[in-house]
Amino acid sequence: MAANIAVALVALLHLYFLVLEMFFWDKPLGLRSFGLTPEFAKASKVLAANQGLYNGFLAAGLVWGIYLGAAGNPVKLFFLGCVVAAGLFGALTASRKILWLQAFPGVVAIALVATS
């Protein structure tokens, strides 16, 4: 139960990232969340939407794993591994904050799924 709650929370985080990146990137919430200038947000809006879509795929994979029950643990672990890899890459290339917002919850969820 704790593992599925953790996986669901990671999925919800990625749905939130999808919404921020696809729909609010150049709006006040997105500008504030990502520390962007309006000019940069306008110029990078299409790239951000693409990134948001990928976050949606991560969320969909995690939800799929939950839907499959115990048989979905390999699916959950795969998508959580992708979450952690994306979080580590983001922390190295964009902002260390991503390590705590994305990678750390993924690692916690992996540990819970692996021990369930």
PDB file of N, CA and C in Angstrom:
ATOM      1  N   MET A   1       0.818  -1.188   0.000  1.00  0.00           N
ATOM      2  CA  MET A   1       0.000   0.000   0.000  1.00  0.00           C
ATOM      3  C   MET A   1       0.874   1.268   0.000  1.00  0.00           C
ATOM      4  N   ALA A   2       1.885   1.290   0.856  1.00  0.00           N
ATOM      5  CA  ALA A   2       2.771   2.464   0.911  1.00  0.00           C
ATOM      6  C   ALA A   2       3.489   2.663  -0.416  1.00  0.00           C
ATOM      7  N   ALA A   3       3.873   1.559  -1.049  1.00  0.00           N
ATOM      8  CA  ALA A   3       4.568   1.659  -2.342  1.00  0.00           C
ATOM      9  C   ALA A   3       3.653   2.286  -3.384  1.00  0.00           C
ATOM     10  N   ASN A   4       2.411   1.841  -3.450  1.00  0.00           N
ATOM     11  CA  ASN A   4       1.479   2.405  -4.437  1.00  0.00           C
ATOM     12  C   ASN A   4       1.158   3.866  -4.154  1.00  0.00           C
ATOM     13  N   ILE A   5       1.107   4.240  -2.892  1.00  0.00           N
ATOM     14  CA  ILE A   5       0.886   5.654  -2.547  1.00  0.00           C
ATOM     15  C   ILE A   5       2.072   6.488  -3.022  1.00  0.00           C
ATOM     16  N   ALA A   6       3.276   5.994  -2.790  1.00  0.00           N
ATOM     17  CA  ALA A   6       4.474   6.720  -3.235  1.00  0.00           C
ATOM     18  C   ALA A   6       4.509   6.832  -4.755  1.00  0.00           C
ATOM     19  N   VAL A   7       4.193   5.746  -5.447  1.00  0.00           N
ATOM     20  CA  VAL A   7       4.176   5.769  -6.914  1.00  0.00           C
ATOM     21  C   VAL A   7       3.112   6.746  -7.403  1.00  0.00           C
ATOM     22  N   ALA A   8       1.947   6.731  -6.770  1.00  0.00           N
ATOM     23  CA  ALA A   8       0.874   7.655  -7.157  1.00  0.00           C
ATOM     24  C   ALA A   8       1.288   9.108  -6.935  1.00  0.00           C
ATOM     25  N   LEU A   9       1.989   9.376  -5.848  1.00  0.00           N
ATOM     26  CA  LEU A   9       2.457  10.741  -5.596  1.00  0.00           C
ATOM     27  C   LEU A   9       3.465  11.184  -6.654  1.00  0.00           C
ATOM     28  N   VAL A  10       4.353  10.287  -7.053  1.00  0.00           N
ATOM     29  CA  VAL A  10       5.304  10.618  -8.121  1.00  0.00           C
ATOM     30  C   VAL A  10       4.549  10.871  -9.419  1.00  0.00           C
ATOM     31  N   ALA A  11       3.539  10.052  -9.710  1.00  0.00           N
ATOM     32  CA  ALA A  11       2.730  10.259 -10.915  1.00  0.00           C
ATOM     33  C   ALA A  11       2.026  11.620 -10.863  1.00  0.00           C
ATOM     34  N   LEU A  12       1.473  11.971  -9.713  1.00  0.00           N
ATOM     35  CA  LEU A  12       0.814  13.277  -9.570  1.00  0.00           C
ATOM     36  C   LEU A  12       1.799  14.428  -9.759  1.00  0.00           C
ATOM     37  N   LEU A  13       3.004  14.276  -9.237  1.00  0.00           N
ATOM     38  CA  LEU A  13       4.038  15.294  -9.453  1.00  0.00           C
ATOM     39  C   LEU A  13       4.279  15.502 -10.943  1.00  0.00           C
ATOM     40  N   HIS A  14       4.357  14.397 -11.676  1.00  0.00           N
ATOM     41  CA  HIS A  14       4.641  14.516 -13.104  1.00  0.00           C
ATOM     42  C   HIS A  14       3.451  15.060 -13.893  1.00  0.00           C
ATOM     43  N   LEU A  15       2.259  14.808 -13.414  1.00  0.00           N
ATOM     44  CA  LEU A  15       1.095  15.460 -14.035  1.00  0.00           C
ATOM     45  C   LEU A  15       1.139  16.969 -13.778  1.00  0.00           C
ATOM     46  N   TYR A  16       1.566  17.342 -12.584  1.00  0.00           N
ATOM     47  CA  TYR A  16       1.724  18.767 -12.262  1.00  0.00           C
ATOM     48  C   TYR A  16       2.794  19.395 -13.155  1.00  0.00           C
ATOM     49  N   PHE A  17       3.914  18.688 -13.340  1.00  0.00           N
ATOM     50  CA  PHE A  17       4.956  19.201 -14.236  1.00  0.00           C
ATOM     51  C   PHE A  17       4.408  19.354 -15.650  1.00  0.00           C
ATOM     52  N   LEU A  18       3.610  18.384 -16.103  1.00  0.00           N
ATOM     53  CA  LEU A  18       2.993  18.468 -17.428  1.00  0.00           C
ATOM     54  C   LEU A  18       2.182  19.748 -17.553  1.00  0.00           C
ATOM     55  N   VAL A  19       1.328  20.005 -16.571  1.00  0.00           N
ATOM     56  CA  VAL A  19       0.471  21.197 -16.611  1.00  0.00           C
ATOM     57  C   VAL A  19       1.317  22.471 -16.604  1.00  0.00           C
ATOM     58  N   LEU A  20       2.303  22.522 -15.731  1.00  0.00           N
ATOM     59  CA  LEU A  20       3.175  23.709 -15.679  1.00  0.00           C
ATOM     60  C   LEU A  20       3.882  23.944 -17.010  1.00  0.00           C
ATOM     61  N   GLU A  21       4.453  22.895 -17.571  1.00  0.00           N
ATOM     62  CA  GLU A  21       5.270  23.053 -18.771  1.00  0.00           C
ATOM     63  C   GLU A  21       4.444  23.226 -20.045  1.00  0.00           C
ATOM     64  N   MET A  22       3.294  22.580 -20.096  1.00  0.00           N
ATOM     65  CA  MET A  22       2.496  22.658 -21.325  1.00  0.00           C
ATOM     66  C   MET A  22       1.550  23.857 -21.354  1.00  0.00           C
ATOM     67  N   PHE A  23       1.029  24.249 -20.197  1.00  0.00           N
ATOM     68  CA  PHE A  23      -0.031  25.256 -20.180  1.00  0.00           C
ATOM     69  C   PHE A  23       0.310  26.549 -19.433  1.00  0.00           C
ATOM     70  N   PHE A  24       1.289  26.507 -18.539  1.00  0.00           N
ATOM     71  CA  PHE A  24       1.592  27.687 -17.729  1.00  0.00           C
ATOM     72  C   PHE A  24       3.023  28.186 -17.888  1.00  0.00           C
ATOM     73  N   TRP A  25       3.770  27.634 -18.831  1.00  0.00           N
ATOM     74  CA  TRP A  25       5.174  27.989 -19.019  1.00  0.00           C
ATOM     75  C   TRP A  25       5.383  29.492 -19.135  1.00  0.00           C
ATOM     76  N   ASP A  26       4.547  30.163 -19.919  1.00  0.00           N
ATOM     77  CA  ASP A  26       4.712  31.603 -20.152  1.00  0.00           C
ATOM     78  C   ASP A  26       3.696  32.443 -19.377  1.00  0.00           C
ATOM     79  N   LYS A  27       3.042  31.824 -18.394  1.00  0.00           N
ATOM     80  CA  LYS A  27       2.094  32.520 -17.521  1.00  0.00           C
ATOM     81  C   LYS A  27       2.787  32.825 -16.195  1.00  0.00           C
ATOM     82  N   PRO A  28       2.203  33.697 -15.375  1.00  0.00           N
ATOM     83  CA  PRO A  28       2.863  34.062 -14.109  1.00  0.00           C
ATOM     84  C   PRO A  28       3.277  32.863 -13.244  1.00  0.00           C
ATOM     85  N   LEU A  29       2.441  31.831 -13.150  1.00  0.00           N
ATOM     86  CA  LEU A  29       2.805  30.663 -12.343  1.00  0.00           C
ATOM     87  C   LEU A  29       4.048  29.969 -12.898  1.00  0.00           C
ATOM     88  N   GLY A  30       4.089  29.776 -14.203  1.00  0.00           N
ATOM     89  CA  GLY A  30       5.246  29.139 -14.829  1.00  0.00           C
ATOM     90  C   GLY A  30       6.495  29.995 -14.735  1.00  0.00           C
ATOM     91  N   LEU A  31       6.340  31.282 -14.984  1.00  0.00           N
ATOM     92  CA  LEU A  31       7.487  32.193 -14.897  1.00  0.00           C
ATOM     93  C   LEU A  31       8.092  32.154 -13.501  1.00  0.00           C
ATOM     94  N   ARG A  32       7.218  32.180 -12.483  1.00  0.00           N
ATOM     95  CA  ARG A  32       7.667  32.142 -11.094  1.00  0.00           C
ATOM     96  C   ARG A  32       8.290  30.784 -10.751  1.00  0.00           C
ATOM     97  N   SER A  33       7.614  29.709 -11.148  1.00  0.00           N
ATOM     98  CA  SER A  33       8.075  28.354 -10.806  1.00  0.00           C
ATOM     99  C   SER A  33       9.444  28.044 -11.380  1.00  0.00           C
ATOM    100  N   PHE A  34       9.685  28.508 -12.597  1.00  0.00           N
ATOM    101  CA  PHE A  34      10.937  28.179 -13.273  1.00  0.00           C
ATOM    102  C   PHE A  34      11.931  29.332 -13.309  1.00  0.00           C
ATOM    103  N   GLY A  35      11.566  30.477 -12.752  1.00  0.00           N
ATOM    104  CA  GLY A  35      12.469  31.627 -12.730  1.00  0.00           C
ATOM    105  C   GLY A  35      12.786  32.144 -14.122  1.00  0.00           C
ATOM    106  N   LEU A  36      11.767  32.241 -14.967  1.00  0.00           N
ATOM    107  CA  LEU A  36      11.959  32.631 -16.363  1.00  0.00           C
ATOM    108  C   LEU A  36      11.626  34.096 -16.606  1.00  0.00           C
ATOM    109  N   THR A  37      12.240  34.638 -17.621  1.00  0.00           N
ATOM    110  CA  THR A  37      11.814  35.946 -18.111  1.00  0.00           C
ATOM    111  C   THR A  37      10.707  35.702 -19.140  1.00  0.00           C
ATOM    112  N   PRO A  38       9.822  36.658 -19.318  1.00  0.00           N
ATOM    113  CA  PRO A  38       8.768  36.479 -20.340  1.00  0.00           C
ATOM    114  C   PRO A  38       9.337  36.222 -21.735  1.00  0.00           C
ATOM    115  N   GLU A  39      10.450  36.857 -22.049  1.00  0.00           N
ATOM    116  CA  GLU A  39      11.062  36.685 -23.367  1.00  0.00           C
ATOM    117  C   GLU A  39      11.564  35.249 -23.560  1.00  0.00           C
ATOM    118  N   PHE A  40      12.259  34.730 -22.546  1.00  0.00           N
ATOM    119  CA  PHE A  40      12.767  33.366 -22.635  1.00  0.00           C
ATOM    120  C   PHE A  40      11.617  32.364 -22.699  1.00  0.00           C
ATOM    121  N   ALA A  41      10.585  32.591 -21.884  1.00  0.00           N
ATOM    122  CA  ALA A  41       9.436  31.687 -21.881  1.00  0.00           C
ATOM    123  C   ALA A  41       8.764  31.647 -23.240  1.00  0.00           C
ATOM    124  N   LYS A  42       8.619  32.799 -23.858  1.00  0.00           N
ATOM    125  CA  LYS A  42       7.990  32.856 -25.183  1.00  0.00           C
ATOM    126  C   LYS A  42       8.836  32.092 -26.207  1.00  0.00           C
ATOM    127  N   ALA A  43      10.147  32.286 -26.143  1.00  0.00           N
ATOM    128  CA  ALA A  43      11.047  31.652 -27.112  1.00  0.00           C
ATOM    129  C   ALA A  43      11.149  30.143 -26.923  1.00  0.00           C
ATOM    130  N   SER A  44      10.925  29.661 -25.706  1.00  0.00           N
ATOM    131  CA  SER A  44      11.121  28.237 -25.415  1.00  0.00           C
ATOM    132  C   SER A  44       9.808  27.491 -25.152  1.00  0.00           C
ATOM    133  N   LYS A  45       8.701  28.134 -25.422  1.00  0.00           N
ATOM    134  CA  LYS A  45       7.396  27.558 -25.089  1.00  0.00           C
ATOM    135  C   LYS A  45       7.163  26.192 -25.752  1.00  0.00           C
ATOM    136  N   VAL A  46       7.528  26.048 -27.010  1.00  0.00           N
ATOM    137  CA  VAL A  46       7.315  24.776 -27.716  1.00  0.00           C
ATOM    138  C   VAL A  46       8.182  23.675 -27.113  1.00  0.00           C
ATOM    139  N   LEU A  47       9.416  24.012 -26.767  1.00  0.00           N
ATOM    140  CA  LEU A  47      10.293  23.022 -26.141  1.00  0.00           C
ATOM    141  C   LEU A  47       9.748  22.585 -24.785  1.00  0.00           C
ATOM    142  N   ALA A  48       9.228  23.533 -24.026  1.00  0.00           N
ATOM    143  CA  ALA A  48       8.669  23.219 -22.711  1.00  0.00           C
ATOM    144  C   ALA A  48       7.440  22.325 -22.846  1.00  0.00           C
ATOM    145  N   ALA A  49       6.614  22.593 -23.843  1.00  0.00           N
ATOM    146  CA  ALA A  49       5.430  21.758 -24.058  1.00  0.00           C
ATOM    147  C   ALA A  49       5.837  20.327 -24.377  1.00  0.00           C
ATOM    148  N   ASN A  50       6.884  20.167 -25.159  1.00  0.00           N
ATOM    149  CA  ASN A  50       7.396  18.841 -25.486  1.00  0.00           C
ATOM    150  C   ASN A  50       7.874  18.141 -24.216  1.00  0.00           C
ATOM    151  N   GLN A  51       8.594  18.864 -23.395  1.00  0.00           N
ATOM    152  CA  GLN A  51       9.080  18.324 -22.122  1.00  0.00           C
ATOM    153  C   GLN A  51       7.912  17.949 -21.223  1.00  0.00           C
ATOM    154  N   GLY A  52       6.884  18.767 -21.201  1.00  0.00           N
ATOM    155  CA  GLY A  52       5.692  18.471 -20.414  1.00  0.00           C
ATOM    156  C   GLY A  52       5.016  17.194 -20.870  1.00  0.00           C
ATOM    157  N   LEU A  53       4.958  16.997 -22.173  1.00  0.00           N
ATOM    158  CA  LEU A  53       4.361  15.777 -22.712  1.00  0.00           C
ATOM    159  C   LEU A  53       5.125  14.549 -22.222  1.00  0.00           C
ATOM    160  N   TYR A  54       6.449  14.623 -22.198  1.00  0.00           N
ATOM    161  CA  TYR A  54       7.247  13.501 -21.700  1.00  0.00           C
ATOM    162  C   TYR A  54       6.943  13.231 -20.225  1.00  0.00           C
ATOM    163  N   ASN A  55       6.753  14.278 -19.452  1.00  0.00           N
ATOM    164  CA  ASN A  55       6.375  14.082 -18.051  1.00  0.00           C
ATOM    165  C   ASN A  55       5.020  13.385 -17.951  1.00  0.00           C
ATOM    166  N   GLY A  56       4.137  13.697 -18.873  1.00  0.00           N
ATOM    167  CA  GLY A  56       2.844  13.020 -18.911  1.00  0.00           C
ATOM    168  C   GLY A  56       2.991  11.535 -19.206  1.00  0.00           C
ATOM    169  N   PHE A  57       3.923  11.185 -20.097  1.00  0.00           N
ATOM    170  CA  PHE A  57       4.169   9.769 -20.382  1.00  0.00           C
ATOM    171  C   PHE A  57       4.710   9.049 -19.149  1.00  0.00           C
ATOM    172  N   LEU A  58       5.567   9.716 -18.392  1.00  0.00           N
ATOM    173  CA  LEU A  58       6.063   9.112 -17.159  1.00  0.00           C
ATOM    174  C   LEU A  58       4.910   8.851 -16.193  1.00  0.00           C
ATOM    175  N   ALA A  59       4.050   9.833 -16.039  1.00  0.00           N
ATOM    176  CA  ALA A  59       2.888   9.673 -15.158  1.00  0.00           C
ATOM    177  C   ALA A  59       1.995   8.535 -15.645  1.00  0.00           C
ATOM    178  N   ALA A  60       1.752   8.469 -16.945  1.00  0.00           N
ATOM    179  CA  ALA A  60       0.898   7.414 -17.501  1.00  0.00           C
ATOM    180  C   ALA A  60       1.495   6.030 -17.234  1.00  0.00           C
ATOM    181  N   GLY A  61       2.798   5.903 -17.383  1.00  0.00           N
ATOM    182  CA  GLY A  61       3.446   4.626 -17.112  1.00  0.00           C
ATOM    183  C   GLY A  61       3.319   4.216 -15.658  1.00  0.00           C
ATOM    184  N   LEU A  62       3.444   5.184 -14.763  1.00  0.00           N
ATOM    185  CA  LEU A  62       3.311   4.885 -13.331  1.00  0.00           C
ATOM    186  C   LEU A  62       1.883   4.482 -12.985  1.00  0.00           C
ATOM    187  N   VAL A  63       0.915   5.165 -13.554  1.00  0.00           N
ATOM    188  CA  VAL A  63      -0.494   4.817 -13.321  1.00  0.00           C
ATOM    189  C   VAL A  63      -0.783   3.418 -13.882  1.00  0.00           C
ATOM    190  N   TRP A  64      -0.234   3.125 -15.038  1.00  0.00           N
ATOM    191  CA  TRP A  64      -0.385   1.801 -15.626  1.00  0.00           C
ATOM    192  C   TRP A  64       0.165   0.732 -14.681  1.00  0.00           C
ATOM    193  N   GLY A  65       1.346   0.977 -14.131  1.00  0.00           N
ATOM    194  CA  GLY A  65       1.939   0.032 -13.193  1.00  0.00           C
ATOM    195  C   GLY A  65       1.062  -0.187 -11.972  1.00  0.00           C
ATOM    196  N   ILE A  66       0.485   0.877 -11.445  1.00  0.00           N
ATOM    197  CA  ILE A  66      -0.422   0.751 -10.297  1.00  0.00           C
ATOM    198  C   ILE A  66      -1.647  -0.070 -10.701  1.00  0.00           C
ATOM    199  N   TYR A  67      -2.184   0.217 -11.868  1.00  0.00           N
ATOM    200  CA  TYR A  67      -3.372  -0.492 -12.364  1.00  0.00           C
ATOM    201  C   TYR A  67      -3.124  -1.996 -12.458  1.00  0.00           C
ATOM    202  N   LEU A  68      -1.921  -2.401 -12.814  1.00  0.00           N
ATOM    203  CA  LEU A  68      -1.596  -3.819 -12.964  1.00  0.00           C
ATOM    204  C   LEU A  68      -1.424  -4.542 -11.629  1.00  0.00           C
ATOM    205  N   GLY A  69      -1.423  -3.805 -10.530  1.00  0.00           N
ATOM    206  CA  GLY A  69      -1.253  -4.421  -9.216  1.00  0.00           C
ATOM    207  C   GLY A  69       0.161  -4.937  -9.027  1.00  0.00           C
ATOM    208  N   ALA A  70       0.283  -6.050  -8.301  1.00  0.00           N
ATOM    209  CA  ALA A  70       1.615  -6.605  -8.012  1.00  0.00           C
ATOM    210  C   ALA A  70       2.349  -6.991  -9.295  1.00  0.00           C
ATOM    211  N   ALA A  71       1.605  -7.399 -10.313  1.00  0.00           N
ATOM    212  CA  ALA A  71       2.222  -7.752 -11.592  1.00  0.00           C
ATOM    213  C   ALA A  71       2.830  -6.531 -12.277  1.00  0.00           C
ATOM    214  N   GLY A  72       2.445  -5.332 -11.836  1.00  0.00           N
ATOM    215  CA  GLY A  72       2.955  -4.104 -12.427  1.00  0.00           C
ATOM    216  C   GLY A  72       4.236  -3.595 -11.797  1.00  0.00           C
ATOM    217  N   ASN A  73       4.773  -4.309 -10.823  1.00  0.00           N
ATOM    218  CA  ASN A  73       5.999  -3.815 -10.178  1.00  0.00           C
ATOM    219  C   ASN A  73       7.143  -3.590 -11.160  1.00  0.00           C
ATOM    220  N   PRO A  74       7.374  -4.474 -12.122  1.00  0.00           N
ATOM    221  CA  PRO A  74       8.442  -4.194 -13.104  1.00  0.00           C
ATOM    222  C   PRO A  74       8.160  -2.918 -13.917  1.00  0.00           C
ATOM    223  N   VAL A  75       6.903  -2.683 -14.230  1.00  0.00           N
ATOM    224  CA  VAL A  75       6.525  -1.459 -14.961  1.00  0.00           C
ATOM    225  C   VAL A  75       6.791  -0.238 -14.090  1.00  0.00           C
ATOM    226  N   LYS A  76       6.379  -0.312 -12.833  1.00  0.00           N
ATOM    227  CA  LYS A  76       6.617   0.800 -11.897  1.00  0.00           C
ATOM    228  C   LYS A  76       8.111   1.081 -11.771  1.00  0.00           C
ATOM    229  N   LEU A  77       8.898   0.017 -11.604  1.00  0.00           N
ATOM    230  CA  LEU A  77      10.344   0.199 -11.440  1.00  0.00           C
ATOM    231  C   LEU A  77      10.977   0.801 -12.692  1.00  0.00           C
ATOM    232  N   PHE A  78      10.525   0.376 -13.862  1.00  0.00           N
ATOM    233  CA  PHE A  78      11.061   0.951 -15.100  1.00  0.00           C
ATOM    234  C   PHE A  78      10.775   2.453 -15.167  1.00  0.00           C
ATOM    235  N   PHE A  79       9.511   2.828 -14.976  1.00  0.00           N
ATOM    236  CA  PHE A  79       9.166   4.244 -15.096  1.00  0.00           C
ATOM    237  C   PHE A  79       9.758   5.072 -13.960  1.00  0.00           C
ATOM    238  N   LEU A  80       9.864   4.506 -12.765  1.00  0.00           N
ATOM    239  CA  LEU A  80      10.531   5.225 -11.678  1.00  0.00           C
ATOM    240  C   LEU A  80      12.009   5.411 -11.984  1.00  0.00           C
ATOM    241  N   GLY A  81      12.623   4.410 -12.609  1.00  0.00           N
ATOM    242  CA  GLY A  81      14.021   4.561 -13.035  1.00  0.00           C
ATOM    243  C   GLY A  81      14.167   5.697 -14.034  1.00  0.00           C
ATOM    244  N   CYS A  82      13.202   5.801 -14.949  1.00  0.00           N
ATOM    245  CA  CYS A  82      13.215   6.915 -15.910  1.00  0.00           C
ATOM    246  C   CYS A  82      13.065   8.255 -15.193  1.00  0.00           C
ATOM    247  N   VAL A  83      12.191   8.295 -14.187  1.00  0.00           N
ATOM    248  CA  VAL A  83      11.995   9.516 -13.390  1.00  0.00           C
ATOM    249  C   VAL A  83      13.302   9.918 -12.720  1.00  0.00           C
ATOM    250  N   VAL A  84      13.966   8.961 -12.102  1.00  0.00           N
ATOM    251  CA  VAL A  84      15.228   9.253 -11.403  1.00  0.00           C
ATOM    252  C   VAL A  84      16.296   9.703 -12.397  1.00  0.00           C
ATOM    253  N   ALA A  85      16.397   9.026 -13.529  1.00  0.00           N
ATOM    254  CA  ALA A  85      17.391   9.418 -14.543  1.00  0.00           C
ATOM    255  C   ALA A  85      17.124  10.841 -15.029  1.00  0.00           C
ATOM    256  N   ALA A  86      15.858  11.159 -15.300  1.00  0.00           N
ATOM    257  CA  ALA A  86      15.513  12.509 -15.746  1.00  0.00           C
ATOM    258  C   ALA A  86      15.812  13.532 -14.642  1.00  0.00           C
ATOM    259  N   GLY A  87      15.530  13.159 -13.403  1.00  0.00           N
ATOM    260  CA  GLY A  87      15.812  14.060 -12.280  1.00  0.00           C
ATOM    261  C   GLY A  87      17.294  14.318 -12.094  1.00  0.00           C
ATOM    262  N   LEU A  88      18.093  13.267 -12.223  1.00  0.00           N
ATOM    263  CA  LEU A  88      19.547  13.440 -12.108  1.00  0.00           C
ATOM    264  C   LEU A  88      20.087  14.305 -13.242  1.00  0.00           C
ATOM    265  N   PHE A  89      19.622  14.052 -14.451  1.00  0.00           N
ATOM    266  CA  PHE A  89      20.071  14.853 -15.591  1.00  0.00           C
ATOM    267  C   PHE A  89      19.659  16.309 -15.410  1.00  0.00           C
ATOM    268  N   GLY A  90      18.425  16.527 -14.984  1.00  0.00           N
ATOM    269  CA  GLY A  90      17.956  17.897 -14.751  1.00  0.00           C
ATOM    270  C   GLY A  90      18.748  18.597 -13.657  1.00  0.00           C
ATOM    271  N   ALA A  91      19.084  17.853 -12.613  1.00  0.00           N
ATOM    272  CA  ALA A  91      19.864  18.442 -11.519  1.00  0.00           C
ATOM    273  C   ALA A  91      21.259  18.830 -11.985  1.00  0.00           C
ATOM    274  N   LEU A  92      21.830  18.034 -12.870  1.00  0.00           N
ATOM    275  CA  LEU A  92      23.176  18.320 -13.382  1.00  0.00           C
ATOM    276  C   LEU A  92      23.190  19.446 -14.416  1.00  0.00           C
ATOM    277  N   THR A  93      22.117  19.569 -15.183  1.00  0.00           N
ATOM    278  CA  THR A  93      22.129  20.504 -16.309  1.00  0.00           C
ATOM    279  C   THR A  93      21.280  21.751 -16.115  1.00  0.00           C
ATOM    280  N   ALA A  94      20.291  21.696 -15.239  1.00  0.00           N
ATOM    281  CA  ALA A  94      19.372  22.834 -15.126  1.00  0.00           C
ATOM    282  C   ALA A  94      19.344  23.440 -13.726  1.00  0.00           C
ATOM    283  N   SER A  95      18.982  22.641 -12.724  1.00  0.00           N
ATOM    284  CA  SER A  95      18.844  23.169 -11.367  1.00  0.00           C
ATOM    285  C   SER A  95      18.956  22.037 -10.358  1.00  0.00           C
ATOM    286  N   ARG A  96      19.713  22.249  -9.319  1.00  0.00           N
ATOM    287  CA  ARG A  96      19.848  21.230  -8.268  1.00  0.00           C
ATOM    288  C   ARG A  96      18.527  20.959  -7.570  1.00  0.00           C
ATOM    289  N   LYS A  97      17.626  21.911  -7.629  1.00  0.00           N
ATOM    290  CA  LYS A  97      16.300  21.760  -7.026  1.00  0.00           C
ATOM    291  C   LYS A  97      15.588  20.528  -7.598  1.00  0.00           C
ATOM    292  N   ILE A  98      15.868  20.192  -8.842  1.00  0.00           N
ATOM    293  CA  ILE A  98      15.232  19.052  -9.503  1.00  0.00           C
ATOM    294  C   ILE A  98      15.610  17.743  -8.812  1.00  0.00           C
ATOM    295  N   LEU A  99      16.787  17.697  -8.225  1.00  0.00           N
ATOM    296  CA  LEU A  99      17.209  16.503  -7.494  1.00  0.00           C
ATOM    297  C   LEU A  99      16.212  16.176  -6.394  1.00  0.00           C
ATOM    298  N   TRP A 100      15.761  17.184  -5.681  1.00  0.00           N
ATOM    299  CA  TRP A 100      14.846  16.987  -4.554  1.00  0.00           C
ATOM    300  C   TRP A 100      13.391  16.886  -4.993  1.00  0.00           C
ATOM    301  N   LEU A 101      13.024  17.593  -6.046  1.00  0.00           N
ATOM    302  CA  LEU A 101      11.625  17.591  -6.492  1.00  0.00           C
ATOM    303  C   LEU A 101      11.268  16.388  -7.353  1.00  0.00           C
ATOM    304  N   GLN A 102      12.243  15.823  -8.048  1.00  0.00           N
ATOM    305  CA  GLN A 102      11.949  14.743  -8.976  1.00  0.00           C
ATOM    306  C   GLN A 102      12.702  13.459  -8.636  1.00  0.00           C
ATOM    307  N   ALA A 103      14.010  13.523  -8.528  1.00  0.00           N
ATOM    308  CA  ALA A 103      14.798  12.306  -8.330  1.00  0.00           C
ATOM    309  C   ALA A 103      14.569  11.684  -6.950  1.00  0.00           C
ATOM    310  N   PHE A 104      14.582  12.488  -5.910  1.00  0.00           N
ATOM    311  CA  PHE A 104      14.438  11.944  -4.551  1.00  0.00           C
ATOM    312  C   PHE A 104      13.108  11.210  -4.354  1.00  0.00           C
ATOM    313  N   PRO A 105      11.966  11.805  -4.736  1.00  0.00           N
ATOM    314  CA  PRO A 105      10.709  11.040  -4.605  1.00  0.00           C
ATOM    315  C   PRO A 105      10.729   9.742  -5.410  1.00  0.00           C
ATOM    316  N   GLY A 106      11.375   9.770  -6.567  1.00  0.00           N
ATOM    317  CA  GLY A 106      11.492   8.555  -7.371  1.00  0.00           C
ATOM    318  C   GLY A 106      12.301   7.482  -6.676  1.00  0.00           C
ATOM    319  N   VAL A 107      13.393   7.869  -6.044  1.00  0.00           N
ATOM    320  CA  VAL A 107      14.235   6.910  -5.308  1.00  0.00           C
ATOM    321  C   VAL A 107      13.458   6.308  -4.140  1.00  0.00           C
ATOM    322  N   VAL A 108      12.740   7.152  -3.421  1.00  0.00           N
ATOM    323  CA  VAL A 108      11.928   6.654  -2.296  1.00  0.00           C
ATOM    324  C   VAL A 108      10.897   5.636  -2.796  1.00  0.00           C
ATOM    325  N   ALA A 109      10.223   5.975  -3.881  1.00  0.00           N
ATOM    326  CA  ALA A 109       9.213   5.071  -4.448  1.00  0.00           C
ATOM    327  C   ALA A 109       9.854   3.771  -4.927  1.00  0.00           C
ATOM    328  N   ILE A 110      11.036   3.843  -5.540  1.00  0.00           N
ATOM    329  CA  ILE A 110      11.742   2.621  -5.964  1.00  0.00           C
ATOM    330  C   ILE A 110      12.023   1.728  -4.763  1.00  0.00           C
ATOM    331  N   ALA A 111      12.518   2.325  -3.689  1.00  0.00           N
ATOM    332  CA  ALA A 111      12.824   1.542  -2.491  1.00  0.00           C
ATOM    333  C   ALA A 111      11.568   0.857  -1.946  1.00  0.00           C
ATOM    334  N   LEU A 112      10.461   1.574  -1.946  1.00  0.00           N
ATOM    335  CA  LEU A 112       9.216   0.984  -1.429  1.00  0.00           C
ATOM    336  C   LEU A 112       8.681  -0.106  -2.359  1.00  0.00           C
ATOM    337  N   VAL A 113       8.744   0.103  -3.652  1.00  0.00           N
ATOM    338  CA  VAL A 113       8.272  -0.923  -4.596  1.00  0.00           C
ATOM    339  C   VAL A 113       9.174  -2.160  -4.527  1.00  0.00           C
ATOM    340  N   ALA A 114      10.476  -1.932  -4.448  1.00  0.00           N
ATOM    341  CA  ALA A 114      11.426  -3.038  -4.436  1.00  0.00           C
ATOM    342  C   ALA A 114      11.282  -3.907  -3.180  1.00  0.00           C
ATOM    343  N   THR A 115      10.816  -3.326  -2.098  1.00  0.00           N
ATOM    344  CA  THR A 115      10.684  -4.092  -0.843  1.00  0.00           C
ATOM    345  C   THR A 115       9.251  -4.558  -0.589  1.00  0.00           C
ATOM    346  N   SER A 116       8.367  -4.295  -1.553  1.00  0.00           N
ATOM    347  CA  SER A 116       6.966  -4.711  -1.320  1.00  0.00           C
ATOM    348  C   SER A 116       6.708  -6.102  -1.858  1.00  0.00           C
TER     349      SER A 116
END
